[in-house]
């Protein structure tokens, strides 16, 4: 059972930056595809970014491409989301998620992730 704890959210002005962190309890962290998702009020949870086991391949939603960067440190069992050029429409609760272990498919679907953190609020003011 993987436990995930996010941190780093907060209130920032448009154009600003935040770095989200997700700490994982699992020692075999390196065998999980890791992702970041977000959920705005009244909307469904949506894909933001994912990275493979080694962090060598990543995918982004078009809305954040070029502004957000996902990375991971397997030695520290952590995954990060660097968010630059934040916009008011980025306001949401951001969730860290892990796939089933040894899964190689890098899915952008919420249903394919089995472990979730509690979320961290990101609010971008205009």
Protein backbone atom coordinates (compact mmCIF):
# COMPACT_ATOMS: atom_id res chain seq x y z
CA UNK A 1 0.00 0.00 0.00
CA UNK A 2 1.53 3.28 -1.13
CA UNK A 3 0.86 6.37 0.94
CA UNK A 4 1.31 9.73 -0.76
CA UNK A 5 1.52 13.12 0.91
CA UNK A 6 1.53 16.33 -1.11
CA UNK A 7 2.86 19.70 -0.01
CA UNK A 8 3.82 23.05 -1.49
CA UNK A 9 0.46 24.47 -2.47
CA UNK A 10 -0.59 28.00 -1.67
CA UNK A 11 -1.77 31.36 -2.94
CA UNK A 12 0.24 33.02 -5.71
CA UNK A 13 -0.30 35.87 -8.15
CA UNK A 14 -0.69 35.22 -11.84
CA UNK A 15 2.70 34.75 -13.45
CA UNK A 16 4.21 33.36 -10.28
CA UNK A 17 5.65 29.96 -9.49
CA UNK A 18 5.10 27.12 -7.06
CA UNK A 19 6.79 23.77 -6.56
CA UNK A 20 4.64 20.89 -5.39
CA UNK A 21 6.18 17.89 -3.69
CA UNK A 22 4.80 14.42 -3.13
CA UNK A 23 6.43 12.11 -0.61
CA UNK A 24 5.80 8.38 -0.99
CA UNK A 25 5.99 5.79 1.76
CA UNK A 26 6.85 2.90 -0.53
CA UNK A 27 10.49 1.78 -0.66
CA UNK A 28 9.93 0.32 -4.14
CA UNK A 29 8.81 3.73 -5.36
CA UNK A 30 10.88 3.39 -8.51
CA UNK A 31 8.47 0.83 -10.03
CA UNK A 32 5.46 3.14 -10.07
CA UNK A 33 4.41 5.46 -12.85
CA UNK A 34 3.72 8.73 -11.05
CA UNK A 35 1.34 11.48 -12.03
CA UNK A 36 -0.13 14.81 -11.04
CA UNK A 37 -3.82 15.52 -11.51
CA UNK A 38 -5.97 18.48 -10.52
CA UNK A 39 -9.58 19.18 -9.73
CA UNK A 40 -11.18 22.60 -9.92
CA UNK A 41 -14.46 23.36 -8.14
CA UNK A 42 -17.40 21.80 -9.96
CA UNK A 43 -15.17 19.97 -12.42
CA UNK A 44 -13.89 16.45 -12.81
CA UNK A 45 -10.37 15.50 -11.84
CA UNK A 46 -8.08 15.90 -14.84
CA UNK A 47 -4.63 14.88 -15.96
CA UNK A 48 -1.75 17.34 -15.58
CA UNK A 49 1.52 15.41 -15.97
CA UNK A 50 2.99 11.92 -15.67
CA UNK A 51 6.47 10.44 -15.58
CA UNK A 52 7.81 6.93 -16.03
CA UNK A 53 9.78 4.83 -13.54
CA UNK A 54 13.11 6.51 -14.14
CA UNK A 55 11.79 9.97 -14.89
CA UNK A 56 13.20 9.78 -18.39
CA UNK A 57 9.86 10.19 -20.16
CA UNK A 58 7.10 12.62 -19.24
CA UNK A 59 3.83 13.75 -20.72
CA UNK A 60 1.85 16.90 -20.09
CA UNK A 61 -1.62 18.18 -20.71
CA UNK A 62 -1.59 20.81 -23.45
CA UNK A 63 -2.81 23.44 -21.00
CA UNK A 64 0.40 23.23 -18.93
CA UNK A 65 2.96 22.24 -21.54
CA UNK A 66 5.95 24.57 -21.45
CA UNK A 67 5.01 25.94 -18.03
CA UNK A 68 4.99 22.88 -15.74
CA UNK A 69 7.74 20.30 -15.23
CA UNK A 70 7.34 16.94 -13.51
CA UNK A 71 10.37 15.26 -11.98
CA UNK A 72 11.13 12.49 -9.52
CA UNK A 73 13.88 11.45 -7.15
CA UNK A 74 13.65 7.71 -6.60
CA UNK A 75 16.28 7.78 -3.88
CA UNK A 76 14.09 10.19 -1.91
CA UNK A 77 10.85 8.45 -3.01
CA UNK A 78 9.45 11.78 -4.12
CA UNK A 79 7.89 13.36 -7.18
CA UNK A 80 7.70 17.06 -7.89
CA UNK A 81 5.73 19.48 -10.03
CA UNK A 82 7.42 22.77 -10.83
CA UNK A 83 4.78 25.24 -11.93
CA UNK A 84 5.85 28.46 -13.64
CA UNK A 85 3.80 31.14 -15.33
CA UNK A 86 0.76 30.30 -13.26
CA UNK A 87 -2.63 31.42 -14.49
CA UNK A 88 -5.93 31.86 -12.62
CA UNK A 89 -7.27 28.85 -14.52
CA UNK A 90 -4.61 26.69 -12.83
CA UNK A 91 -6.49 27.13 -9.54
CA UNK A 92 -7.43 23.68 -8.27
CA UNK A 93 -6.63 21.00 -5.75
CA UNK A 94 -3.57 19.14 -7.03
CA UNK A 95 -3.26 15.42 -6.40
CA UNK A 96 -0.28 13.12 -6.63
CA UNK A 97 -1.05 9.61 -7.89
CA UNK A 98 0.73 6.30 -8.35
CA UNK A 99 -0.06 3.46 -10.71
CA UNK A 100 -0.05 -0.20 -9.85
CA UNK A 101 3.55 -1.39 -9.42
CA UNK A 102 5.44 -2.50 -12.54
CA UNK A 103 2.83 -0.99 -14.81
CA UNK A 104 4.57 0.39 -17.91
CA UNK A 105 1.63 2.05 -19.62
CA UNK A 106 1.73 5.78 -19.02
CA UNK A 107 -1.96 6.46 -18.79
CA UNK A 108 -3.53 9.90 -18.56
CA UNK A 109 -6.73 8.43 -17.15
CA UNK A 110 -7.70 8.91 -13.52
CA UNK A 111 -9.08 5.36 -13.37
CA UNK A 112 -5.63 3.86 -14.04
CA UNK A 113 -4.09 5.26 -10.85
CA UNK A 114 -4.67 3.32 -7.66
CA UNK A 115 -2.96 5.37 -5.00
CA UNK A 116 -3.77 9.01 -4.28
CA UNK A 117 -2.64 11.69 -1.92
CA UNK A 118 -4.99 13.97 -0.02
CA UNK A 119 -4.34 16.90 -2.33
CA UNK A 120 -2.89 20.36 -1.95
CA UNK A 121 -4.70 23.58 -2.83
CA UNK A 122 -3.22 25.91 -5.43
CA UNK A 123 -4.89 29.29 -5.84
CA UNK A 124 -3.76 31.77 -8.49
CA UNK A 125 -5.05 35.31 -8.19
CA UNK A 126 -5.39 37.64 -11.17
